[in-house]
Amino acid sequence: MPEDPISQEMARILNEKLQRVIDKQTEHTIALANHTASLDRLEKGQEQLKDELGEMKDMLRQLLSRDTSDN
């Protein structure tokens, strides 16, 4: 730490500003991680819905093929 009072005060002010920047970056990093996790869950849900839709299409095809073969 600098010896003279003015340098000490400047160093203190710079350290406070640096800490605020670090805190803000930390907040943004956490927010980004939360958004990424949300997007991952959304993507997983979309994949699951797509798979279930495919299964429903297959069931519908089976029902329709039975119906046409019965006639």
N, C-alpha and C. Protein backbone atom coordinates (compact mmCIF):
# COMPACT_ATOMS: atom_id res chain seq x y z
N MET A 1 0.86 -1.18 0.00
CA MET A 1 0.00 0.00 0.00
C MET A 1 0.90 1.24 0.00
N PRO A 2 0.53 2.25 -0.80
CA PRO A 2 1.34 3.47 -0.85
C PRO A 2 1.41 4.14 0.52
N GLU A 3 2.49 4.90 0.71
CA GLU A 3 2.74 5.53 2.00
C GLU A 3 2.00 6.85 2.20
N ASP A 4 1.96 7.70 1.18
CA ASP A 4 1.36 9.02 1.40
C ASP A 4 -0.18 8.93 1.37
N PRO A 5 -0.85 9.81 2.11
CA PRO A 5 -2.31 9.75 2.24
C PRO A 5 -3.08 9.86 0.92
N ILE A 6 -2.60 10.67 0.01
CA ILE A 6 -3.30 10.84 -1.27
C ILE A 6 -3.23 9.55 -2.07
N SER A 7 -2.07 8.94 -2.13
CA SER A 7 -1.92 7.68 -2.85
C SER A 7 -2.74 6.58 -2.19
N GLN A 8 -2.78 6.58 -0.86
CA GLN A 8 -3.59 5.60 -0.15
C GLN A 8 -5.06 5.76 -0.50
N GLU A 9 -5.53 7.00 -0.53
CA GLU A 9 -6.94 7.26 -0.85
C GLU A 9 -7.23 6.86 -2.30
N MET A 10 -6.33 7.17 -3.22
CA MET A 10 -6.53 6.79 -4.62
C MET A 10 -6.57 5.26 -4.75
N ALA A 11 -5.69 4.60 -4.03
CA ALA A 11 -5.67 3.13 -4.07
C ALA A 11 -6.97 2.57 -3.50
N ARG A 12 -7.46 3.16 -2.43
CA ARG A 12 -8.71 2.71 -1.82
C ARG A 12 -9.89 2.89 -2.78
N ILE A 13 -9.93 4.04 -3.45
CA ILE A 13 -11.01 4.32 -4.41
C ILE A 13 -10.94 3.35 -5.59
N LEU A 14 -9.75 3.12 -6.09
CA LEU A 14 -9.59 2.17 -7.20
C LEU A 14 -9.99 0.76 -6.79
N ASN A 15 -9.62 0.36 -5.57
CA ASN A 15 -10.01 -0.96 -5.09
C ASN A 15 -11.52 -1.10 -4.96
N GLU A 16 -12.19 -0.04 -4.49
CA GLU A 16 -13.65 -0.07 -4.37
C GLU A 16 -14.30 -0.19 -5.75
N LYS A 17 -13.79 0.59 -6.70
CA LYS A 17 -14.34 0.53 -8.06
C LYS A 17 -14.11 -0.84 -8.67
N LEU A 18 -12.92 -1.38 -8.47
CA LEU A 18 -12.61 -2.70 -8.99
C LEU A 18 -13.53 -3.75 -8.37
N GLN A 19 -13.78 -3.64 -7.09
CA GLN A 19 -14.66 -4.59 -6.41
C GLN A 19 -16.08 -4.51 -6.97
N ARG A 20 -16.55 -3.29 -7.26
CA ARG A 20 -17.89 -3.12 -7.84
C ARG A 20 -17.96 -3.79 -9.22
N VAL A 21 -16.90 -3.63 -10.01
CA VAL A 21 -16.86 -4.25 -11.34
C VAL A 21 -16.88 -5.77 -11.19
N ILE A 22 -16.08 -6.28 -10.28
CA ILE A 22 -16.04 -7.73 -10.06
C ILE A 22 -17.40 -8.24 -9.59
N ASP A 23 -18.04 -7.52 -8.68
CA ASP A 23 -19.36 -7.92 -8.19
C ASP A 23 -20.39 -7.93 -9.32
N LYS A 24 -20.34 -6.92 -10.18
CA LYS A 24 -21.29 -6.85 -11.30
C LYS A 24 -21.04 -7.98 -12.27
N GLN A 25 -19.78 -8.27 -12.55
CA GLN A 25 -19.45 -9.38 -13.45
C GLN A 25 -19.92 -10.71 -12.86
N THR A 26 -19.78 -10.85 -11.56
CA THR A 26 -20.25 -12.06 -10.89
C THR A 26 -21.77 -12.19 -11.03
N GLU A 27 -22.49 -11.10 -10.83
CA GLU A 27 -23.95 -11.11 -11.00
C GLU A 27 -24.32 -11.52 -12.42
N HIS A 28 -23.63 -10.96 -13.41
CA HIS A 28 -23.92 -11.29 -14.80
C HIS A 28 -23.60 -12.75 -15.11
N THR A 29 -22.51 -13.25 -14.55
CA THR A 29 -22.14 -14.64 -14.76
C THR A 29 -23.19 -15.57 -14.18
N ILE A 30 -23.67 -15.26 -12.99
CA ILE A 30 -24.72 -16.08 -12.36
C ILE A 30 -26.00 -16.03 -13.19
N ALA A 31 -26.37 -14.82 -13.64
CA ALA A 31 -27.58 -14.68 -14.46
C ALA A 31 -27.43 -15.48 -15.76
N LEU A 32 -26.28 -15.42 -16.38
CA LEU A 32 -26.04 -16.16 -17.61
C LEU A 32 -26.12 -17.66 -17.37
N ALA A 33 -25.56 -18.12 -16.26
CA ALA A 33 -25.63 -19.55 -15.92
C ALA A 33 -27.09 -19.97 -15.71
N ASN A 34 -27.87 -19.13 -15.06
CA ASN A 34 -29.29 -19.45 -14.85
C ASN A 34 -30.04 -19.50 -16.17
N HIS A 35 -29.76 -18.57 -17.07
CA HIS A 35 -30.42 -18.57 -18.38
C HIS A 35 -30.01 -19.80 -19.18
N THR A 36 -28.75 -20.16 -19.10
CA THR A 36 -28.26 -21.34 -19.81
C THR A 36 -28.96 -22.60 -19.30
N ALA A 37 -29.10 -22.70 -17.99
CA ALA A 37 -29.79 -23.86 -17.40
C ALA A 37 -31.24 -23.89 -17.86
N SER A 38 -31.89 -22.73 -17.91
CA SER A 38 -33.28 -22.66 -18.38
C SER A 38 -33.38 -23.10 -19.83
N LEU A 39 -32.46 -22.65 -20.65
CA LEU A 39 -32.47 -23.03 -22.07
C LEU A 39 -32.24 -24.53 -22.22
N ASP A 40 -31.36 -25.10 -21.41
CA ASP A 40 -31.12 -26.54 -21.45
C ASP A 40 -32.38 -27.31 -21.11
N ARG A 41 -33.10 -26.84 -20.06
CA ARG A 41 -34.35 -27.52 -19.68
C ARG A 41 -35.39 -27.39 -20.78
N LEU A 42 -35.46 -26.23 -21.40
CA LEU A 42 -36.40 -26.01 -22.49
C LEU A 42 -36.09 -26.94 -23.66
N GLU A 43 -34.82 -27.03 -24.00
CA GLU A 43 -34.42 -27.90 -25.11
C GLU A 43 -34.75 -29.36 -24.81
N LYS A 44 -34.50 -29.78 -23.59
CA LYS A 44 -34.81 -31.15 -23.19
C LYS A 44 -36.32 -31.39 -23.28
N GLY A 45 -37.11 -30.44 -22.83
CA GLY A 45 -38.57 -30.57 -22.91
C GLY A 45 -39.05 -30.63 -24.35
N GLN A 46 -38.44 -29.83 -25.22
CA GLN A 46 -38.82 -29.85 -26.63
C GLN A 46 -38.49 -31.19 -27.26
N GLU A 47 -37.35 -31.75 -26.92
CA GLU A 47 -36.98 -33.07 -27.44
C GLU A 47 -37.96 -34.13 -26.97
N GLN A 48 -38.35 -34.04 -25.71
CA GLN A 48 -39.31 -35.00 -25.15
C GLN A 48 -40.66 -34.87 -25.86
N LEU A 49 -41.11 -33.64 -26.08
CA LEU A 49 -42.38 -33.43 -26.79
C LEU A 49 -42.30 -33.96 -28.22
N LYS A 50 -41.17 -33.76 -28.87
CA LYS A 50 -41.00 -34.25 -30.23
C LYS A 50 -41.08 -35.78 -30.26
N ASP A 51 -40.43 -36.43 -29.30
CA ASP A 51 -40.49 -37.89 -29.22
C ASP A 51 -41.92 -38.37 -28.98
N GLU A 52 -42.62 -37.70 -28.06
CA GLU A 52 -43.99 -38.09 -27.76
C GLU A 52 -44.91 -37.85 -28.95
N LEU A 53 -44.68 -36.79 -29.68
CA LEU A 53 -45.47 -36.52 -30.88
C LEU A 53 -45.24 -37.62 -31.92
N GLY A 54 -44.00 -38.05 -32.06
CA GLY A 54 -43.70 -39.15 -32.98
C GLY A 54 -44.43 -40.42 -32.58
N GLU A 55 -44.46 -40.70 -31.27
CA GLU A 55 -45.18 -41.88 -30.78
C GLU A 55 -46.68 -41.76 -31.07
N MET A 56 -47.23 -40.56 -30.89
CA MET A 56 -48.65 -40.36 -31.15
C MET A 56 -48.96 -40.52 -32.64
N LYS A 57 -48.06 -40.05 -33.50
CA LYS A 57 -48.25 -40.22 -34.94
C LYS A 57 -48.26 -41.71 -35.30
N ASP A 58 -47.33 -42.46 -34.71
CA ASP A 58 -47.28 -43.89 -34.97
C ASP A 58 -48.58 -44.58 -34.52
N MET A 59 -49.09 -44.20 -33.34
CA MET A 59 -50.34 -44.79 -32.86
C MET A 59 -51.50 -44.44 -33.79
N LEU A 60 -51.53 -43.20 -34.26
CA LEU A 60 -52.59 -42.76 -35.16
C LEU A 60 -52.52 -43.54 -36.47
N ARG A 61 -51.30 -43.72 -36.98
CA ARG A 61 -51.14 -44.51 -38.22
C ARG A 61 -51.66 -45.93 -38.02
N GLN A 62 -51.34 -46.52 -36.85
CA GLN A 62 -51.82 -47.87 -36.57
C GLN A 62 -53.34 -47.93 -36.52
N LEU A 63 -53.92 -46.94 -35.85
CA LEU A 63 -55.39 -46.90 -35.76
C LEU A 63 -56.01 -46.71 -37.14
N LEU A 64 -55.43 -45.84 -37.93
CA LEU A 64 -55.97 -45.60 -39.27
C LEU A 64 -55.80 -46.83 -40.16
N SER A 65 -54.68 -47.52 -40.03
CA SER A 65 -54.48 -48.71 -40.86
C SER A 65 -55.44 -49.83 -40.45
N ARG A 66 -55.75 -49.94 -39.17
CA ARG A 66 -56.74 -50.93 -38.71
C ARG A 66 -58.12 -50.59 -39.25
N ASP A 67 -58.42 -49.29 -39.20
CA ASP A 67 -59.74 -48.82 -39.62
C ASP A 67 -59.93 -49.09 -41.11
N THR A 68 -58.90 -48.85 -41.92
CA THR A 68 -59.04 -49.08 -43.35
C THR A 68 -59.02 -50.57 -43.67
N SER A 69 -58.34 -51.37 -42.88
CA SER A 69 -58.32 -52.81 -43.15
C SER A 69 -59.63 -53.47 -42.71
N ASP A 70 -60.32 -52.85 -41.75
CA ASP A 70 -61.61 -53.39 -41.31
C ASP A 70 -62.69 -53.15 -42.36
N ASN A 71 -62.51 -52.11 -43.17
CA ASN A 71 -63.56 -51.78 -44.16
C ASN A 71 -63.39 -52.53 -45.42
